[in-house]
Amino acid sequence: MQLATGVMLFSVLIPAKIWFPANQPINITQKSDAPVTFVLTDFTGKTIETKANTLISPAQQTDLRAMYPAVNTAGTYVLFAVHKDKSLPAFVGTPLVIESRGDNRPGAPPEPMVTKIEPLCYATMSTHQGEMTMVFYYDVAPNTVARFLTLAAEGFYDGLTFHRIVPGFVVQGGDPRGTGTGGPGYQIGAEVNDRRHEQGVLSMARNGDPLERQSEKPRPEFANSAGSQFFICLARTEYLDGRYTAFGKVIKGIQTVKTLGDLHVADPRTGRPQTPPVINAVQVVPVTSDNNPYLLIMDNLKPRKPDPATQPAQ
């Protein structure tokens, strides 16, 4: 995202910078007007335990690395600021995504090389067919998520179209040419992961490998050819698993996705719609306690229904 946007999003939890080498403290300053408790979770919302005092005073700077030794292990975490008389899923400000990135090269040491910190965001996409709310898989496709959010925040997708519709399969957009041949002028590496390609899942389009059906995986020159084009799955498609980078999901507005998938296709060979639907705008939005669509995918943050067996008799 643009720097100015990122700075504004750090409303309560203020990191000293975005990138932290492994030998530097991860300093976070809390800027609310009252003490808060730091709560660190994994990307499912499961709380990471610590023996440190997590009650932080206003304007206090804290080394997250010292408070939570878990961030010294490669993984994706989320830091929340919670008022001392509250508990998750309630929090203040915008949570921070803590990405402790390891070195995946053969023979590399297991500890992270660097930690990246960014605000937890979602996106809303508006079309003439309706709106969609998208959440992102920061934990398994961080580079893809970062590129998509950067392009979205800078207006890249505004006014582009869904140039390809394959009924019952995918709707595809994000091409500035509108032909399926365009992109942002660069390519990003594949981040193939274990997320299933099912209805509503966002995944990156790429060049097809002519030999792909005869092999288990696409060759690197094809796997690493994504740019700005993405597709939204209309149904569960196992063939895409392990071959394409799933990086998010439409969590609200699935009817809009279905409506797009039902539009008339003028050329079944290319999937080009008779009138390609327009992406009016994509807005990147910071997560807040009152507006947190990640509750729908972070299972351990979902409010639990009371167990009738533990409730007092009326």
C-alpha atoms as a PDB file:
ATOM      1  CA  MET A   1       0.000   0.000   0.000  1.00  0.00           C
ATOM      2  CA  GLN A   2       0.976   3.599  -0.353  1.00  0.00           C
ATOM      3  CA  LEU A   3       2.992   4.804   2.631  1.00  0.00           C
ATOM      4  CA  ALA A   4       0.490   7.471   3.598  1.00  0.00           C
ATOM      5  CA  THR A   5      -2.301   4.902   3.711  1.00  0.00           C
ATOM      6  CA  GLY A   6      -0.228   2.545   5.830  1.00  0.00           C
ATOM      7  CA  VAL A   7       0.677   5.256   8.332  1.00  0.00           C
ATOM      8  CA  MET A   8      -2.977   6.203   8.811  1.00  0.00           C
ATOM      9  CA  LEU A   9      -3.909   2.567   9.436  1.00  0.00           C
ATOM     10  CA  PHE A  10      -1.526   2.251  12.375  1.00  0.00           C
ATOM     11  CA  SER A  11      -4.060   3.926  14.662  1.00  0.00           C
ATOM     12  CA  VAL A  12      -3.246   2.392  18.067  1.00  0.00           C
ATOM     13  CA  LEU A  13      -0.381  -0.054  17.585  1.00  0.00           C
ATOM     14  CA  ILE A  14       2.545   1.823  16.050  1.00  0.00           C
ATOM     15  CA  PRO A  15       5.572  -0.236  14.944  1.00  0.00           C
ATOM     16  CA  ALA A  16       8.934   1.515  14.857  1.00  0.00           C
ATOM     17  CA  LYS A  17       9.182   0.457  11.196  1.00  0.00           C
ATOM     18  CA  ILE A  18       7.817  -2.145   8.800  1.00  0.00           C
ATOM     19  CA  TRP A  19      10.753  -4.568   8.470  1.00  0.00           C
ATOM     20  CA  PHE A  20      12.786  -5.916  11.401  1.00  0.00           C
ATOM     21  CA  PRO A  21      15.931  -8.049  10.987  1.00  0.00           C
ATOM     22  CA  ALA A  22      16.194 -11.010  13.333  1.00  0.00           C
ATOM     23  CA  ASN A  23      18.823  -9.303  15.513  1.00  0.00           C
ATOM     24  CA  GLN A  24      16.723  -6.190  16.239  1.00  0.00           C
ATOM     25  CA  PRO A  25      13.925  -5.670  18.781  1.00  0.00           C
ATOM     26  CA  ILE A  26      10.413  -5.409  17.364  1.00  0.00           C
ATOM     27  CA  ASN A  27       9.369  -2.185  19.049  1.00  0.00           C
ATOM     28  CA  ILE A  28       5.653  -1.398  19.172  1.00  0.00           C
ATOM     29  CA  THR A  29       4.205   1.744  20.778  1.00  0.00           C
ATOM     30  CA  GLN A  30       0.589   1.793  21.869  1.00  0.00           C
ATOM     31  CA  LYS A  31      -1.134   5.129  21.238  1.00  0.00           C
ATOM     32  CA  SER A  32      -4.541   4.725  22.855  1.00  0.00           C
ATOM     33  CA  ASP A  33      -5.597   6.966  25.742  1.00  0.00           C
ATOM     34  CA  ALA A  34      -5.836   4.089  28.226  1.00  0.00           C
ATOM     35  CA  PRO A  35      -3.893   0.977  29.184  1.00  0.00           C
ATOM     36  CA  VAL A  36      -4.411  -1.998  26.880  1.00  0.00           C
ATOM     37  CA  THR A  37      -3.473  -5.642  26.971  1.00  0.00           C
ATOM     38  CA  PHE A  38      -1.453  -7.036  24.096  1.00  0.00           C
ATOM     39  CA  VAL A  39      -2.896 -10.308  22.784  1.00  0.00           C
ATOM     40  CA  LEU A  40      -0.994 -12.273  20.148  1.00  0.00           C
ATOM     41  CA  THR A  41      -2.704 -15.032  18.163  1.00  0.00           C
ATOM     42  CA  ASP A  42      -1.854 -17.262  15.260  1.00  0.00           C
ATOM     43  CA  PHE A  43      -3.777 -16.703  12.024  1.00  0.00           C
ATOM     44  CA  THR A  44      -6.625 -18.941  13.198  1.00  0.00           C
ATOM     45  CA  GLY A  45      -7.115 -16.688  16.233  1.00  0.00           C
ATOM     46  CA  LYS A  46      -5.586 -19.108  18.748  1.00  0.00           C
ATOM     47  CA  THR A  47      -3.945 -17.147  21.570  1.00  0.00           C
ATOM     48  CA  ILE A  48      -0.164 -17.385  21.941  1.00  0.00           C
ATOM     49  CA  GLU A  49       0.776 -17.705  25.595  1.00  0.00           C
ATOM     50  CA  THR A  50       3.477 -15.637  27.307  1.00  0.00           C
ATOM     51  CA  LYS A  51       4.826 -15.208  30.827  1.00  0.00           C
ATOM     52  CA  ALA A  52       5.464 -11.496  30.315  1.00  0.00           C
ATOM     53  CA  ASN A  53       3.269  -8.670  31.584  1.00  0.00           C
ATOM     54  CA  THR A  54       1.068  -7.753  28.627  1.00  0.00           C
ATOM     55  CA  LEU A  55      -0.655  -4.701  30.155  1.00  0.00           C
ATOM     56  CA  ILE A  56       0.767  -1.726  28.276  1.00  0.00           C
ATOM     57  CA  SER A  57       0.410   1.915  29.329  1.00  0.00           C
ATOM     58  CA  PRO A  58      -0.327   4.777  26.888  1.00  0.00           C
ATOM     59  CA  ALA A  59       2.768   5.821  24.895  1.00  0.00           C
ATOM     60  CA  GLN A  60       4.717   2.828  26.245  1.00  0.00           C
ATOM     61  CA  GLN A  61       7.107   1.152  23.793  1.00  0.00           C
ATOM     62  CA  THR A  62       7.359  -2.624  23.975  1.00  0.00           C
ATOM     63  CA  ASP A  63       9.696  -5.134  22.349  1.00  0.00           C
ATOM     64  CA  LEU A  64       7.321  -7.717  20.953  1.00  0.00           C
ATOM     65  CA  ARG A  65      10.193 -10.151  20.454  1.00  0.00           C
ATOM     66  CA  ALA A  66      10.943 -10.146  24.179  1.00  0.00           C
ATOM     67  CA  MET A  67       7.278 -10.275  25.187  1.00  0.00           C
ATOM     68  CA  TYR A  68       6.382 -13.113  22.809  1.00  0.00           C
ATOM     69  CA  PRO A  69       9.338 -15.413  22.043  1.00  0.00           C
ATOM     70  CA  ALA A  70       7.022 -17.253  19.631  1.00  0.00           C
ATOM     71  CA  VAL A  71       7.645 -14.562  16.985  1.00  0.00           C
ATOM     72  CA  ASN A  72      11.202 -15.856  16.781  1.00  0.00           C
ATOM     73  CA  THR A  73       9.685 -18.909  15.069  1.00  0.00           C
ATOM     74  CA  ALA A  74       8.670 -18.588  11.424  1.00  0.00           C
ATOM     75  CA  GLY A  75       4.943 -18.046  11.137  1.00  0.00           C
ATOM     76  CA  THR A  76       2.153 -15.499  10.792  1.00  0.00           C
ATOM     77  CA  TYR A  77       0.683 -13.913  13.891  1.00  0.00           C
ATOM     78  CA  VAL A  78      -1.850 -11.185  14.667  1.00  0.00           C
ATOM     79  CA  LEU A  79      -1.364  -8.627  17.455  1.00  0.00           C
ATOM     80  CA  PHE A  80      -4.450  -7.113  19.078  1.00  0.00           C
ATOM     81  CA  ALA A  81      -4.777  -4.271  21.593  1.00  0.00           C
ATOM     82  CA  VAL A  82      -7.547  -5.143  24.044  1.00  0.00           C
ATOM     83  CA  HIS A  83      -8.901  -2.898  26.804  1.00  0.00           C
ATOM     84  CA  LYS A  84      -7.983  -4.399  30.162  1.00  0.00           C
ATOM     85  CA  ASP A  85     -11.643  -5.052  31.069  1.00  0.00           C
ATOM     86  CA  LYS A  86     -12.409  -6.715  27.716  1.00  0.00           C
ATOM     87  CA  SER A  87     -11.398  -9.849  25.822  1.00  0.00           C
ATOM     88  CA  LEU A  88     -11.222 -10.985  22.210  1.00  0.00           C
ATOM     89  CA  PRO A  89     -12.955 -10.679  19.831  1.00  0.00           C
ATOM     90  CA  ALA A  90     -13.279  -7.111  21.160  1.00  0.00           C
ATOM     91  CA  PHE A  91     -10.221  -4.883  20.580  1.00  0.00           C
ATOM     92  CA  VAL A  92      -9.269  -1.294  19.814  1.00  0.00           C
ATOM     93  CA  GLY A  93      -7.617   0.158  16.726  1.00  0.00           C
ATOM     94  CA  THR A  94      -6.446  -2.028  13.864  1.00  0.00           C
ATOM     95  CA  PRO A  95      -4.632  -5.320  14.560  1.00  0.00           C
ATOM     96  CA  LEU A  96      -1.148  -5.876  13.187  1.00  0.00           C
ATOM     97  CA  VAL A  97      -0.113  -8.834  11.064  1.00  0.00           C
ATOM     98  CA  ILE A  98       3.273 -10.086  12.289  1.00  0.00           C
ATOM     99  CA  GLU A  99       4.995 -12.100   9.542  1.00  0.00           C
ATOM    100  CA  SER A 100       8.147 -13.848  10.769  1.00  0.00           C
ATOM    101  CA  ARG A 101       9.656 -14.994   7.501  1.00  0.00           C
ATOM    102  CA  GLY A 102      12.007 -17.947   7.311  1.00  0.00           C
ATOM    103  CA  ASP A 103      14.635 -18.851   4.738  1.00  0.00           C
ATOM    104  CA  ASN A 104      13.288 -21.664   2.571  1.00  0.00           C
ATOM    105  CA  ARG A 105      16.546 -22.364   0.767  1.00  0.00           C
ATOM    106  CA  PRO A 106      18.063 -25.820   1.313  1.00  0.00           C
ATOM    107  CA  GLY A 107      20.410 -25.920   4.274  1.00  0.00           C
ATOM    108  CA  ALA A 108      19.297 -22.548   5.653  1.00  0.00           C
ATOM    109  CA  PRO A 109      18.970 -22.104   9.437  1.00  0.00           C
ATOM    110  CA  PRO A 110      15.426 -22.579  10.792  1.00  0.00           C
ATOM    111  CA  GLU A 111      15.015 -19.208  12.506  1.00  0.00           C
ATOM    112  CA  PRO A 112      13.345 -16.282  10.687  1.00  0.00           C
ATOM    113  CA  MET A 113      15.504 -13.893   8.665  1.00  0.00           C
ATOM    114  CA  VAL A 114      13.175 -10.925   8.981  1.00  0.00           C
ATOM    115  CA  THR A 115       9.828  -9.905  10.414  1.00  0.00           C
ATOM    116  CA  LYS A 116       7.354  -7.753   8.499  1.00  0.00           C
ATOM    117  CA  ILE A 117       4.579  -5.823  10.234  1.00  0.00           C
ATOM    118  CA  GLU A 118       1.490  -4.477   8.493  1.00  0.00           C
ATOM    119  CA  PRO A 119      -2.104  -3.588   9.393  1.00  0.00           C
ATOM    120  CA  LEU A 120      -4.744  -6.292   9.015  1.00  0.00           C
ATOM    121  CA  CYS A 121      -6.942  -5.180   6.115  1.00  0.00           C
ATOM    122  CA  TYR A 122      -9.749  -6.439   3.958  1.00  0.00           C
ATOM    123  CA  ALA A 123     -11.076  -5.110   0.640  1.00  0.00           C
ATOM    124  CA  THR A 124     -14.422  -4.209  -0.827  1.00  0.00           C
ATOM    125  CA  MET A 125     -14.963  -4.507  -4.572  1.00  0.00           C
ATOM    126  CA  SER A 126     -17.915  -2.748  -6.194  1.00  0.00           C
ATOM    127  CA  THR A 127     -19.403  -3.693  -9.562  1.00  0.00           C
ATOM    128  CA  HIS A 128     -22.672  -2.938 -11.338  1.00  0.00           C
ATOM    129  CA  GLN A 129     -23.753  -6.428 -10.294  1.00  0.00           C
ATOM    130  CA  GLY A 130     -23.170  -5.709  -6.583  1.00  0.00           C
ATOM    131  CA  GLU A 131     -20.424  -5.551  -3.967  1.00  0.00           C
ATOM    132  CA  MET A 132     -18.038  -8.111  -2.528  1.00  0.00           C
ATOM    133  CA  THR A 133     -16.027  -8.164   0.696  1.00  0.00           C
ATOM    134  CA  MET A 134     -12.686  -9.954   0.463  1.00  0.00           C
ATOM    135  CA  VAL A 135     -10.388 -11.241   3.195  1.00  0.00           C
ATOM    136  CA  PHE A 136      -6.844 -12.409   2.563  1.00  0.00           C
ATOM    137  CA  TYR A 137      -4.589 -15.340   3.379  1.00  0.00           C
ATOM    138  CA  TYR A 138      -1.647 -13.409   4.842  1.00  0.00           C
ATOM    139  CA  ASP A 139      -0.370 -16.637   6.371  1.00  0.00           C
ATOM    140  CA  VAL A 140       0.116 -18.685   3.186  1.00  0.00           C
ATOM    141  CA  ALA A 141       0.408 -16.093   0.376  1.00  0.00           C
ATOM    142  CA  PRO A 142       1.941 -12.947   1.930  1.00  0.00           C
ATOM    143  CA  ASN A 143       3.674 -11.632  -1.204  1.00  0.00           C
ATOM    144  CA  THR A 144       0.590 -12.136  -3.357  1.00  0.00           C
ATOM    145  CA  VAL A 145      -1.626 -10.433  -0.767  1.00  0.00           C
ATOM    146  CA  ALA A 146       0.798  -7.500  -0.528  1.00  0.00           C
ATOM    147  CA  ARG A 147       0.868  -7.036  -4.317  1.00  0.00           C
ATOM    148  CA  PHE A 148      -2.924  -7.238  -4.654  1.00  0.00           C
ATOM    149  CA  LEU A 149      -3.516  -4.757  -1.816  1.00  0.00           C
ATOM    150  CA  THR A 150      -0.890  -2.372  -3.188  1.00  0.00           C
ATOM    151  CA  LEU A 151      -2.453  -2.392  -6.648  1.00  0.00           C
ATOM    152  CA  ALA A 152      -5.919  -1.972  -5.143  1.00  0.00           C
ATOM    153  CA  ALA A 153      -4.904   0.923  -2.855  1.00  0.00           C
ATOM    154  CA  GLU A 154      -3.258   2.702  -5.775  1.00  0.00           C
ATOM    155  CA  GLY A 155      -6.361   2.440  -7.980  1.00  0.00           C
ATOM    156  CA  PHE A 156      -5.004  -0.112 -10.450  1.00  0.00           C
ATOM    157  CA  TYR A 157      -8.187  -2.194 -10.573  1.00  0.00           C
ATOM    158  CA  ASP A 158     -10.657   0.700 -10.714  1.00  0.00           C
ATOM    159  CA  GLY A 159     -12.402   0.683 -14.096  1.00  0.00           C
ATOM    160  CA  LEU A 160     -11.019  -2.685 -15.252  1.00  0.00           C
ATOM    161  CA  THR A 161     -13.316  -5.551 -16.222  1.00  0.00           C
ATOM    162  CA  PHE A 162     -14.003  -9.206 -15.698  1.00  0.00           C
ATOM    163  CA  HIS A 163     -12.874 -10.201 -19.171  1.00  0.00           C
ATOM    164  CA  ARG A 164     -13.388 -13.964 -18.818  1.00  0.00           C
ATOM    165  CA  ILE A 165     -16.335 -15.930 -17.485  1.00  0.00           C
ATOM    166  CA  VAL A 166     -16.492 -19.719 -17.483  1.00  0.00           C
ATOM    167  CA  PRO A 167     -19.896 -20.745 -16.086  1.00  0.00           C
ATOM    168  CA  GLY A 168     -19.626 -23.052 -13.105  1.00  0.00           C
ATOM    169  CA  PHE A 169     -15.855 -22.537 -12.949  1.00  0.00           C
ATOM    170  CA  VAL A 170     -14.408 -18.996 -12.572  1.00  0.00           C
ATOM    171  CA  VAL A 171     -14.805 -15.294 -13.289  1.00  0.00           C
ATOM    172  CA  GLN A 172     -11.492 -13.616 -14.129  1.00  0.00           C
ATOM    173  CA  GLY A 173     -10.423  -9.955 -14.132  1.00  0.00           C
ATOM    174  CA  GLY A 174      -7.620  -7.534 -13.386  1.00  0.00           C
ATOM    175  CA  ASP A 175      -6.227  -7.137 -16.908  1.00  0.00           C
ATOM    176  CA  PRO A 176      -5.613  -3.506 -18.002  1.00  0.00           C
ATOM    177  CA  ARG A 177      -5.882  -4.619 -21.638  1.00  0.00           C
ATOM    178  CA  GLY A 178      -9.117  -6.493 -21.055  1.00  0.00           C
ATOM    179  CA  THR A 179      -8.007  -9.337 -23.305  1.00  0.00           C
ATOM    180  CA  GLY A 180      -6.339 -11.752 -20.897  1.00  0.00           C
ATOM    181  CA  THR A 181      -2.846 -10.725 -22.054  1.00  0.00           C
ATOM    182  CA  GLY A 182      -2.126  -7.723 -19.794  1.00  0.00           C
ATOM    183  CA  GLY A 183      -0.672  -7.094 -16.372  1.00  0.00           C
ATOM    184  CA  PRO A 184       1.148  -4.555 -14.193  1.00  0.00           C
ATOM    185  CA  GLY A 185       4.470  -4.854 -16.026  1.00  0.00           C
ATOM    186  CA  TYR A 186       6.001  -7.354 -13.607  1.00  0.00           C
ATOM    187  CA  GLN A 187       5.485 -10.924 -12.452  1.00  0.00           C
ATOM    188  CA  ILE A 188       5.366 -12.428  -8.975  1.00  0.00           C
ATOM    189  CA  GLY A 189       6.407 -15.855  -7.813  1.00  0.00           C
ATOM    190  CA  ALA A 190       3.846 -18.536  -7.064  1.00  0.00           C
ATOM    191  CA  GLU A 191       2.857 -19.127  -3.442  1.00  0.00           C
ATOM    192  CA  VAL A 192       1.051 -22.416  -3.891  1.00  0.00           C
ATOM    193  CA  ASN A 193      -0.473 -23.519  -0.595  1.00  0.00           C
ATOM    194  CA  ASP A 194      -2.955 -25.884   1.017  1.00  0.00           C
ATOM    195  CA  ARG A 195      -6.053 -23.668   0.712  1.00  0.00           C
ATOM    196  CA  ARG A 196      -8.840 -25.317  -1.253  1.00  0.00           C
ATOM    197  CA  HIS A 197     -10.182 -23.756  -4.422  1.00  0.00           C
ATOM    198  CA  GLU A 198     -13.863 -23.550  -3.576  1.00  0.00           C
ATOM    199  CA  GLN A 199     -16.699 -21.125  -4.179  1.00  0.00           C
ATOM    200  CA  GLY A 200     -15.598 -17.549  -3.480  1.00  0.00           C
ATOM    201  CA  VAL A 201     -11.864 -18.245  -3.265  1.00  0.00           C
ATOM    202  CA  LEU A 202      -9.551 -15.666  -4.866  1.00  0.00           C
ATOM    203  CA  SER A 203      -6.610 -17.054  -6.803  1.00  0.00           C
ATOM    204  CA  MET A 204      -3.995 -15.674  -9.175  1.00  0.00           C
ATOM    205  CA  ALA A 205      -4.240 -16.241 -12.912  1.00  0.00           C
ATOM    206  CA  ARG A 206      -1.037 -17.135 -14.734  1.00  0.00           C
ATOM    207  CA  ASN A 207       0.209 -18.453 -18.053  1.00  0.00           C
ATOM    208  CA  GLY A 208      -0.874 -22.004 -18.745  1.00  0.00           C
ATOM    209  CA  ASP A 209       1.781 -24.684 -19.165  1.00  0.00           C
ATOM    210  CA  PRO A 210       1.133 -26.742 -22.345  1.00  0.00           C
ATOM    211  CA  LEU A 211       2.540 -29.805 -20.566  1.00  0.00           C
ATOM    212  CA  GLU A 212       0.661 -29.258 -17.317  1.00  0.00           C
ATOM    213  CA  ARG A 213      -1.931 -31.977 -17.799  1.00  0.00           C
ATOM    214  CA  GLN A 214       0.835 -34.517 -18.281  1.00  0.00           C
ATOM    215  CA  SER A 215       2.675 -33.451 -15.115  1.00  0.00           C
ATOM    216  CA  GLU A 216       1.820 -32.938 -11.488  1.00  0.00           C
ATOM    217  CA  LYS A 217       2.878 -29.275 -11.367  1.00  0.00           C
ATOM    218  CA  PRO A 218       3.401 -26.444 -13.868  1.00  0.00           C
ATOM    219  CA  ARG A 219       6.985 -25.669 -14.808  1.00  0.00           C
ATOM    220  CA  PRO A 220       8.522 -22.683 -12.944  1.00  0.00           C
ATOM    221  CA  GLU A 221       8.384 -20.288 -15.905  1.00  0.00           C
ATOM    222  CA  PHE A 222       4.614 -20.789 -15.995  1.00  0.00           C
ATOM    223  CA  ALA A 223       3.978 -21.115 -12.249  1.00  0.00           C
ATOM    224  CA  ASN A 224       5.759 -17.806 -11.589  1.00  0.00           C
ATOM    225  CA  SER A 225       4.024 -15.779 -14.306  1.00  0.00           C
ATOM    226  CA  ALA A 226       1.215 -14.119 -12.290  1.00  0.00           C
ATOM    227  CA  GLY A 227       0.825 -10.339 -12.332  1.00  0.00           C
ATOM    228  CA  SER A 228      -2.440  -8.550 -11.635  1.00  0.00           C
ATOM    229  CA  GLN A 229      -5.013 -10.939 -13.081  1.00  0.00           C
ATOM    230  CA  PHE A 230      -7.035 -12.910 -10.553  1.00  0.00           C
ATOM    231  CA  PHE A 231     -10.019 -15.202 -10.651  1.00  0.00           C
ATOM    232  CA  ILE A 232     -12.856 -15.974  -8.275  1.00  0.00           C
ATOM    233  CA  CYS A 233     -13.993 -19.584  -8.069  1.00  0.00           C
ATOM    234  CA  LEU A 234     -17.639 -20.320  -8.782  1.00  0.00           C
ATOM    235  CA  ALA A 235     -17.438 -23.870  -7.427  1.00  0.00           C
ATOM    236  CA  ARG A 236     -15.110 -26.351  -5.780  1.00  0.00           C
ATOM    237  CA  THR A 237     -12.398 -27.251  -8.307  1.00  0.00           C
ATOM    238  CA  GLU A 238      -9.840 -29.727  -6.995  1.00  0.00           C
ATOM    239  CA  TYR A 239      -7.720 -29.524 -10.145  1.00  0.00           C
ATOM    240  CA  LEU A 240      -6.644 -25.982  -9.224  1.00  0.00           C
ATOM    241  CA  ASP A 241      -5.343 -27.033  -5.790  1.00  0.00           C
ATOM    242  CA  GLY A 242      -1.568 -27.043  -5.613  1.00  0.00           C
ATOM    243  CA  ARG A 243      -1.257 -25.431  -9.056  1.00  0.00           C
ATOM    244  CA  TYR A 244      -2.512 -21.882  -8.494  1.00  0.00           C
ATOM    245  CA  THR A 245      -1.980 -19.392  -5.649  1.00  0.00           C
ATOM    246  CA  ALA A 246      -5.121 -19.072  -3.547  1.00  0.00           C
ATOM    247  CA  PHE A 247      -4.703 -15.780  -1.674  1.00  0.00           C
ATOM    248  CA  GLY A 248      -8.095 -14.801  -0.264  1.00  0.00           C
ATOM    249  CA  LYS A 249     -11.818 -15.330  -0.248  1.00  0.00           C
ATOM    250  CA  VAL A 250     -15.039 -13.445  -0.911  1.00  0.00           C
ATOM    251  CA  ILE A 251     -16.587 -13.582   2.544  1.00  0.00           C
ATOM    252  CA  LYS A 252     -19.641 -11.416   1.831  1.00  0.00           C
ATOM    253  CA  GLY A 253     -21.375 -10.813  -1.488  1.00  0.00           C
ATOM    254  CA  ILE A 254     -21.206 -14.326  -2.866  1.00  0.00           C
ATOM    255  CA  GLN A 255     -24.465 -13.586  -4.699  1.00  0.00           C
ATOM    256  CA  THR A 256     -22.558 -10.935  -6.663  1.00  0.00           C
ATOM    257  CA  VAL A 257     -20.036 -13.601  -7.689  1.00  0.00           C
ATOM    258  CA  LYS A 258     -22.870 -15.884  -8.808  1.00  0.00           C
ATOM    259  CA  THR A 259     -24.473 -13.056 -10.785  1.00  0.00           C
ATOM    260  CA  LEU A 260     -21.173 -12.382 -12.561  1.00  0.00           C
ATOM    261  CA  GLY A 261     -20.851 -16.075 -13.352  1.00  0.00           C
ATOM    262  CA  ASP A 262     -24.322 -16.129 -14.902  1.00  0.00           C
ATOM    263  CA  LEU A 263     -23.685 -13.300 -17.383  1.00  0.00           C
ATOM    264  CA  HIS A 264     -24.004 -14.104 -21.082  1.00  0.00           C
ATOM    265  CA  VAL A 265     -20.756 -15.229 -22.707  1.00  0.00           C
ATOM    266  CA  ALA A 266     -20.383 -14.064 -26.305  1.00  0.00           C
ATOM    267  CA  ASP A 267     -17.419 -16.309 -27.108  1.00  0.00           C
ATOM    268  CA  PRO A 268     -17.398 -19.632 -25.213  1.00  0.00           C
ATOM    269  CA  ARG A 269     -13.887 -20.371 -26.515  1.00  0.00           C
ATOM    270  CA  THR A 270     -12.337 -17.371 -24.736  1.00  0.00           C
ATOM    271  CA  GLY A 271     -15.015 -16.860 -22.097  1.00  0.00           C
ATOM    272  CA  ARG A 272     -15.428 -13.231 -23.118  1.00  0.00           C
ATOM    273  CA  PRO A 273     -18.751 -11.795 -21.911  1.00  0.00           C
ATOM    274  CA  GLN A 274     -21.003 -10.005 -24.355  1.00  0.00           C
ATOM    275  CA  THR A 275     -20.637  -6.908 -22.149  1.00  0.00           C
ATOM    276  CA  PRO A 276     -17.645  -7.342 -19.804  1.00  0.00           C
ATOM    277  CA  PRO A 277     -18.716  -6.268 -16.295  1.00  0.00           C
ATOM    278  CA  VAL A 278     -16.750  -3.373 -14.833  1.00  0.00           C
ATOM    279  CA  ILE A 279     -14.903  -3.256 -11.517  1.00  0.00           C
ATOM    280  CA  ASN A 280     -15.995   0.181 -10.344  1.00  0.00           C
ATOM    281  CA  ALA A 281     -13.530   0.381  -7.456  1.00  0.00           C
ATOM    282  CA  VAL A 282     -11.562  -1.702  -4.967  1.00  0.00           C
ATOM    283  CA  GLN A 283     -11.155  -0.133  -1.528  1.00  0.00           C
ATOM    284  CA  VAL A 284      -8.653  -1.361   1.051  1.00  0.00           C
ATOM    285  CA  VAL A 285     -10.177  -1.101   4.536  1.00  0.00           C
ATOM    286  CA  PRO A 286      -8.506  -1.467   7.957  1.00  0.00           C
ATOM    287  CA  VAL A 287     -10.033  -4.042  10.276  1.00  0.00           C
ATOM    288  CA  THR A 288     -11.689  -2.704  13.423  1.00  0.00           C
ATOM    289  CA  SER A 289     -13.525  -4.426  16.259  1.00  0.00           C
ATOM    290  CA  ASP A 290     -16.846  -3.243  14.825  1.00  0.00           C
ATOM    291  CA  ASN A 291     -15.981  -4.317  11.288  1.00  0.00           C
ATOM    292  CA  ASN A 292     -13.925  -7.499  11.261  1.00  0.00           C
ATOM    293  CA  PRO A 293     -14.786  -9.924   8.457  1.00  0.00           C
ATOM    294  CA  TYR A 294     -11.851 -12.125   9.513  1.00  0.00           C
ATOM    295  CA  LEU A 295     -14.091 -13.458  12.276  1.00  0.00           C
ATOM    296  CA  LEU A 296     -15.595 -15.618   9.539  1.00  0.00           C
ATOM    297  CA  ILE A 297     -12.301 -17.408   8.809  1.00  0.00           C
ATOM    298  CA  MET A 298     -10.355 -17.104  12.093  1.00  0.00           C
ATOM    299  CA  ASP A 299     -12.195 -19.918  13.803  1.00  0.00           C
ATOM    300  CA  ASN A 300     -10.682 -19.418  17.254  1.00  0.00           C
ATOM    301  CA  LEU A 301     -11.926 -15.801  17.394  1.00  0.00           C
ATOM    302  CA  LYS A 302     -15.559 -16.632  16.774  1.00  0.00           C
ATOM    303  CA  PRO A 303     -17.745 -15.924  19.833  1.00  0.00           C
ATOM    304  CA  ARG A 304     -18.644 -19.197  21.472  1.00  0.00           C
ATOM    305  CA  LYS A 305     -22.263 -20.019  22.222  1.00  0.00           C
ATOM    306  CA  PRO A 306     -22.770 -20.701  25.941  1.00  0.00           C
ATOM    307  CA  ASP A 307     -22.826 -24.352  26.887  1.00  0.00           C
ATOM    308  CA  PRO A 308     -26.310 -25.004  28.345  1.00  0.00           C
ATOM    309  CA  ALA A 309     -24.811 -27.531  30.761  1.00  0.00           C
ATOM    310  CA  THR A 310     -22.731 -24.802  32.418  1.00  0.00           C
ATOM    311  CA  GLN A 311     -25.506 -22.197  32.682  1.00  0.00           C
ATOM    312  CA  PRO A 312     -27.306 -21.638  35.992  1.00  0.00           C
ATOM    313  CA  ALA A 313     -30.883 -22.846  36.235  1.00  0.00           C
ATOM    314  CA  GLN A 314     -33.546 -20.185  35.770  1.00  0.00           C
END
